[in-house]
Amino acid sequence: MGTLRDAMSYPLMRAGMIMLLLALLISAAGFYRVDKSYSSSGILGEGMHYLGDDKFETEYLYHNRTLTLSSTNATFSLLQGTEMYNYTLVNGSMTLHPEMRPVIYVFNGQVNYTYEARAIDYPYAVYSIGAFVLMLVGIVMSFLGYTQFLRDVKEGKK
């Protein structure tokens, strides 16, 4: 009866196992994550204001947003998709956690704002597609090498 050492002496079996190991390492690298952040602040006058960076908001995943607003006397609306929230600030401040990129329409007065967004990026996730292809090829090559090994064992060559 053949052993694992005998089976690994077949080139197809060895190449397939190396490909499977490589695919495992490449797919594990896809879990590497990088924290990204964006912040801006300023004063908003009357009119419509889009806060944040469009590229940052669409490029990264799992946003955690914080919007701090303060004013001496202002009336404004915060637009979130199809929802609109109306606020009046008189010598006060408020902290909000919007679910998407905030749009503020100031009706009167001025609003001081600080907007911070944090996100997660997986820069090596795209390589998992290659790891999947490598895994499929490795499985086929290992199977072919193993069947060749079993055929040789049956015929008594090993």
C-alpha atoms as a PDB file:
ATOM      1  CA  MET A   1       0.000   0.000   0.000  1.00  0.00           C
ATOM      2  CA  GLY A   2       1.285   3.476  -0.867  1.00  0.00           C
ATOM      3  CA  THR A   3       1.952   6.193   1.654  1.00  0.00           C
ATOM      4  CA  LEU A   4       1.486   9.949   1.568  1.00  0.00           C
ATOM      5  CA  ARG A   5       5.190  10.358   0.831  1.00  0.00           C
ATOM      6  CA  ASP A   6       4.781   8.106  -2.211  1.00  0.00           C
ATOM      7  CA  ALA A   7       1.731  10.079  -3.363  1.00  0.00           C
ATOM      8  CA  MET A   8       3.578  13.384  -3.020  1.00  0.00           C
ATOM      9  CA  SER A   9       6.302  12.108  -5.342  1.00  0.00           C
ATOM     10  CA  TYR A  10       3.878  12.523  -8.262  1.00  0.00           C
ATOM     11  CA  PRO A  11       4.397  15.932  -9.934  1.00  0.00           C
ATOM     12  CA  LEU A  12       0.685  16.612 -10.468  1.00  0.00           C
ATOM     13  CA  MET A  13      -0.126  15.822  -6.847  1.00  0.00           C
ATOM     14  CA  ARG A  14       2.738  17.992  -5.551  1.00  0.00           C
ATOM     15  CA  ALA A  15       1.858  20.921  -7.844  1.00  0.00           C
ATOM     16  CA  GLY A  16      -1.820  20.709  -6.877  1.00  0.00           C
ATOM     17  CA  MET A  17      -1.047  20.742  -3.157  1.00  0.00           C
ATOM     18  CA  ILE A  18       1.316  23.713  -3.573  1.00  0.00           C
ATOM     19  CA  MET A  19      -1.424  25.587  -5.462  1.00  0.00           C
ATOM     20  CA  LEU A  20      -3.931  24.835  -2.705  1.00  0.00           C
ATOM     21  CA  LEU A  21      -1.537  26.122  -0.053  1.00  0.00           C
ATOM     22  CA  LEU A  22      -0.858  29.272  -2.095  1.00  0.00           C
ATOM     23  CA  ALA A  23      -4.594  29.846  -2.574  1.00  0.00           C
ATOM     24  CA  LEU A  24      -5.087  29.575   1.181  1.00  0.00           C
ATOM     25  CA  LEU A  25      -2.369  32.158   1.869  1.00  0.00           C
ATOM     26  CA  ILE A  26      -3.662  34.586  -0.760  1.00  0.00           C
ATOM     27  CA  SER A  27      -7.242  34.338   0.487  1.00  0.00           C
ATOM     28  CA  ALA A  28      -6.066  34.946   4.076  1.00  0.00           C
ATOM     29  CA  ALA A  29      -4.353  38.151   2.906  1.00  0.00           C
ATOM     30  CA  GLY A  30      -7.771  39.392   1.736  1.00  0.00           C
ATOM     31  CA  PHE A  31      -8.823  39.778   5.391  1.00  0.00           C
ATOM     32  CA  TYR A  32      -6.216  42.501   5.969  1.00  0.00           C
ATOM     33  CA  ARG A  33      -8.068  45.716   6.751  1.00  0.00           C
ATOM     34  CA  VAL A  34      -7.062  49.355   6.843  1.00  0.00           C
ATOM     35  CA  ASP A  35      -8.936  52.070   8.715  1.00  0.00           C
ATOM     36  CA  LYS A  36      -9.593  55.228   6.691  1.00  0.00           C
ATOM     37  CA  SER A  37     -10.885  58.574   7.908  1.00  0.00           C
ATOM     38  CA  TYR A  38     -12.091  61.884   6.533  1.00  0.00           C
ATOM     39  CA  SER A  39     -12.897  65.106   8.360  1.00  0.00           C
ATOM     40  CA  SER A  40     -13.948  68.612   7.463  1.00  0.00           C
ATOM     41  CA  SER A  41     -15.199  71.653   9.304  1.00  0.00           C
ATOM     42  CA  GLY A  42     -16.356  75.153   8.550  1.00  0.00           C
ATOM     43  CA  ILE A  43     -19.239  77.568   8.550  1.00  0.00           C
ATOM     44  CA  LEU A  44     -22.377  77.036   6.493  1.00  0.00           C
ATOM     45  CA  GLY A  45     -24.366  80.036   5.293  1.00  0.00           C
ATOM     46  CA  GLU A  46     -27.859  80.046   3.850  1.00  0.00           C
ATOM     47  CA  GLY A  47     -28.475  77.529   1.076  1.00  0.00           C
ATOM     48  CA  MET A  48     -27.883  73.849   0.272  1.00  0.00           C
ATOM     49  CA  HIS A  49     -24.586  72.252   1.409  1.00  0.00           C
ATOM     50  CA  TYR A  50     -23.277  68.771   0.623  1.00  0.00           C
ATOM     51  CA  LEU A  51     -20.879  67.656   3.337  1.00  0.00           C
ATOM     52  CA  GLY A  52     -18.160  65.054   2.965  1.00  0.00           C
ATOM     53  CA  ASP A  53     -16.130  63.810   0.051  1.00  0.00           C
ATOM     54  CA  ASP A  54     -18.044  61.927  -2.647  1.00  0.00           C
ATOM     55  CA  LYS A  55     -15.069  59.700  -3.491  1.00  0.00           C
ATOM     56  CA  PHE A  56     -14.521  58.742   0.160  1.00  0.00           C
ATOM     57  CA  GLU A  57     -18.215  58.091   0.745  1.00  0.00           C
ATOM     58  CA  THR A  58     -18.558  55.699  -2.208  1.00  0.00           C
ATOM     59  CA  GLU A  59     -15.159  53.986  -2.160  1.00  0.00           C
ATOM     60  CA  TYR A  60     -15.046  52.513   1.350  1.00  0.00           C
ATOM     61  CA  LEU A  61     -17.288  50.242   3.427  1.00  0.00           C
ATOM     62  CA  TYR A  62     -18.940  50.394   6.849  1.00  0.00           C
ATOM     63  CA  HIS A  63     -18.996  54.123   7.482  1.00  0.00           C
ATOM     64  CA  ASN A  64     -19.184  55.561  10.974  1.00  0.00           C
ATOM     65  CA  ARG A  65     -20.182  59.212  10.635  1.00  0.00           C
ATOM     66  CA  THR A  66     -20.311  61.975  13.241  1.00  0.00           C
ATOM     67  CA  LEU A  67     -21.698  65.426  12.517  1.00  0.00           C
ATOM     68  CA  THR A  68     -21.407  68.149  15.148  1.00  0.00           C
ATOM     69  CA  LEU A  69     -23.409  71.322  14.541  1.00  0.00           C
ATOM     70  CA  SER A  70     -23.494  74.540  16.558  1.00  0.00           C
ATOM     71  CA  SER A  71     -25.036  77.958  16.087  1.00  0.00           C
ATOM     72  CA  THR A  72     -26.134  81.071  17.916  1.00  0.00           C
ATOM     73  CA  ASN A  73     -29.412  81.257  15.993  1.00  0.00           C
ATOM     74  CA  ALA A  74     -30.106  79.142  12.911  1.00  0.00           C
ATOM     75  CA  THR A  75     -32.855  77.076  11.320  1.00  0.00           C
ATOM     76  CA  PHE A  76     -31.820  74.237   9.018  1.00  0.00           C
ATOM     77  CA  SER A  77     -32.830  70.862   7.623  1.00  0.00           C
ATOM     78  CA  LEU A  78     -30.775  67.680   7.446  1.00  0.00           C
ATOM     79  CA  LEU A  79     -31.567  65.549   4.394  1.00  0.00           C
ATOM     80  CA  GLN A  80     -30.918  61.794   4.628  1.00  0.00           C
ATOM     81  CA  GLY A  81     -32.058  60.051   1.466  1.00  0.00           C
ATOM     82  CA  THR A  82     -35.790  60.638   1.290  1.00  0.00           C
ATOM     83  CA  GLU A  83     -36.031  61.724   4.945  1.00  0.00           C
ATOM     84  CA  MET A  84     -35.835  65.372   6.070  1.00  0.00           C
ATOM     85  CA  TYR A  85     -35.245  66.459   9.670  1.00  0.00           C
ATOM     86  CA  ASN A  86     -35.793  70.089  10.710  1.00  0.00           C
ATOM     87  CA  TYR A  87     -33.782  71.718  13.501  1.00  0.00           C
ATOM     88  CA  THR A  88     -33.522  75.093  15.192  1.00  0.00           C
ATOM     89  CA  LEU A  89     -30.376  75.882  17.168  1.00  0.00           C
ATOM     90  CA  VAL A  90     -30.299  78.842  19.554  1.00  0.00           C
ATOM     91  CA  ASN A  91     -26.967  79.156  21.402  1.00  0.00           C
ATOM     92  CA  GLY A  92     -26.451  75.427  21.352  1.00  0.00           C
ATOM     93  CA  SER A  93     -24.812  72.505  19.666  1.00  0.00           C
ATOM     94  CA  MET A  94     -25.827  68.995  18.720  1.00  0.00           C
ATOM     95  CA  THR A  95     -24.097  65.811  17.624  1.00  0.00           C
ATOM     96  CA  LEU A  96     -25.687  63.566  15.005  1.00  0.00           C
ATOM     97  CA  HIS A  97     -24.708  60.223  13.511  1.00  0.00           C
ATOM     98  CA  PRO A  98     -26.066  60.276   9.947  1.00  0.00           C
ATOM     99  CA  GLU A  99     -26.457  57.009   8.082  1.00  0.00           C
ATOM    100  CA  MET A 100     -25.373  58.473   4.743  1.00  0.00           C
ATOM    101  CA  ARG A 101     -23.576  61.497   3.384  1.00  0.00           C
ATOM    102  CA  PRO A 102     -25.297  64.516   4.977  1.00  0.00           C
ATOM    103  CA  VAL A 103     -26.939  67.308   3.026  1.00  0.00           C
ATOM    104  CA  ILE A 104     -27.824  70.420   5.004  1.00  0.00           C
ATOM    105  CA  TYR A 105     -30.149  73.187   3.879  1.00  0.00           C
ATOM    106  CA  VAL A 106     -29.740  76.317   6.014  1.00  0.00           C
ATOM    107  CA  PHE A 107     -32.858  78.516   5.988  1.00  0.00           C
ATOM    108  CA  ASN A 108     -31.477  81.390   8.057  1.00  0.00           C
ATOM    109  CA  GLY A 109     -28.385  82.115  10.135  1.00  0.00           C
ATOM    110  CA  GLN A 110     -25.022  80.394  10.084  1.00  0.00           C
ATOM    111  CA  VAL A 111     -24.113  76.906  11.278  1.00  0.00           C
ATOM    112  CA  ASN A 112     -20.654  75.796  12.399  1.00  0.00           C
ATOM    113  CA  TYR A 113     -20.033  72.163  11.567  1.00  0.00           C
ATOM    114  CA  THR A 114     -17.484  69.421  12.085  1.00  0.00           C
ATOM    115  CA  TYR A 115     -17.958  66.291   9.996  1.00  0.00           C
ATOM    116  CA  GLU A 116     -15.935  63.133  10.584  1.00  0.00           C
ATOM    117  CA  ALA A 117     -16.290  59.835   8.759  1.00  0.00           C
ATOM    118  CA  ARG A 118     -14.415  56.626   9.451  1.00  0.00           C
ATOM    119  CA  ALA A 119     -14.468  53.602   7.186  1.00  0.00           C
ATOM    120  CA  ILE A 120     -12.830  50.245   6.575  1.00  0.00           C
ATOM    121  CA  ASP A 121     -10.932  49.267   3.435  1.00  0.00           C
ATOM    122  CA  TYR A 122      -9.829  45.787   2.380  1.00  0.00           C
ATOM    123  CA  PRO A 123      -7.072  46.553  -0.158  1.00  0.00           C
ATOM    124  CA  TYR A 124      -6.155  42.936  -0.928  1.00  0.00           C
ATOM    125  CA  ALA A 125      -9.688  41.556  -1.250  1.00  0.00           C
ATOM    126  CA  VAL A 126      -9.501  41.661  -5.050  1.00  0.00           C
ATOM    127  CA  TYR A 127      -6.813  38.950  -4.980  1.00  0.00           C
ATOM    128  CA  SER A 128      -9.321  36.459  -3.568  1.00  0.00           C
ATOM    129  CA  ILE A 129     -10.665  35.969  -7.107  1.00  0.00           C
ATOM    130  CA  GLY A 130      -7.240  34.746  -8.202  1.00  0.00           C
ATOM    131  CA  ALA A 131      -7.033  32.568  -5.099  1.00  0.00           C
ATOM    132  CA  PHE A 132     -10.357  30.972  -6.022  1.00  0.00           C
ATOM    133  CA  VAL A 133      -9.127  30.126  -9.547  1.00  0.00           C
ATOM    134  CA  LEU A 134      -5.853  28.826  -8.111  1.00  0.00           C
ATOM    135  CA  MET A 135      -7.834  26.650  -5.687  1.00  0.00           C
ATOM    136  CA  LEU A 136      -9.919  25.130  -8.497  1.00  0.00           C
ATOM    137  CA  VAL A 137      -6.826  24.338 -10.585  1.00  0.00           C
ATOM    138  CA  GLY A 138      -5.080  22.941  -7.488  1.00  0.00           C
ATOM    139  CA  ILE A 139      -8.006  20.633  -6.740  1.00  0.00           C
ATOM    140  CA  VAL A 140      -8.077  19.301 -10.297  1.00  0.00           C
ATOM    141  CA  MET A 141      -4.325  18.756 -10.392  1.00  0.00           C
ATOM    142  CA  SER A 142      -4.319  17.050  -6.974  1.00  0.00           C
ATOM    143  CA  PHE A 143      -7.183  14.798  -8.050  1.00  0.00           C
ATOM    144  CA  LEU A 144      -5.393  13.835 -11.272  1.00  0.00           C
ATOM    145  CA  GLY A 145      -2.164  13.131  -9.383  1.00  0.00           C
ATOM    146  CA  TYR A 146      -3.990  11.080  -6.765  1.00  0.00           C
ATOM    147  CA  THR A 147      -5.824   8.976  -9.371  1.00  0.00           C
ATOM    148  CA  GLN A 148      -2.523   8.370 -11.146  1.00  0.00           C
ATOM    149  CA  PHE A 149      -1.019   7.293  -7.819  1.00  0.00           C
ATOM    150  CA  LEU A 150      -3.959   4.936  -7.094  1.00  0.00           C
ATOM    151  CA  ARG A 151      -3.689   3.430 -10.561  1.00  0.00           C
ATOM    152  CA  ASP A 152       0.032   2.732  -9.989  1.00  0.00           C
ATOM    153  CA  VAL A 153      -0.688   1.208  -6.567  1.00  0.00           C
ATOM    154  CA  LYS A 154      -3.358  -1.045  -8.082  1.00  0.00           C
ATOM    155  CA  GLU A 155      -0.971  -2.174 -10.806  1.00  0.00           C
ATOM    156  CA  GLY A 156       1.727  -2.846  -8.203  1.00  0.00           C
ATOM    157  CA  LYS A 157       4.198  -0.189  -9.361  1.00  0.00           C
ATOM    158  CA  LYS A 158       4.291   1.449  -5.907  1.00  0.00           C
END
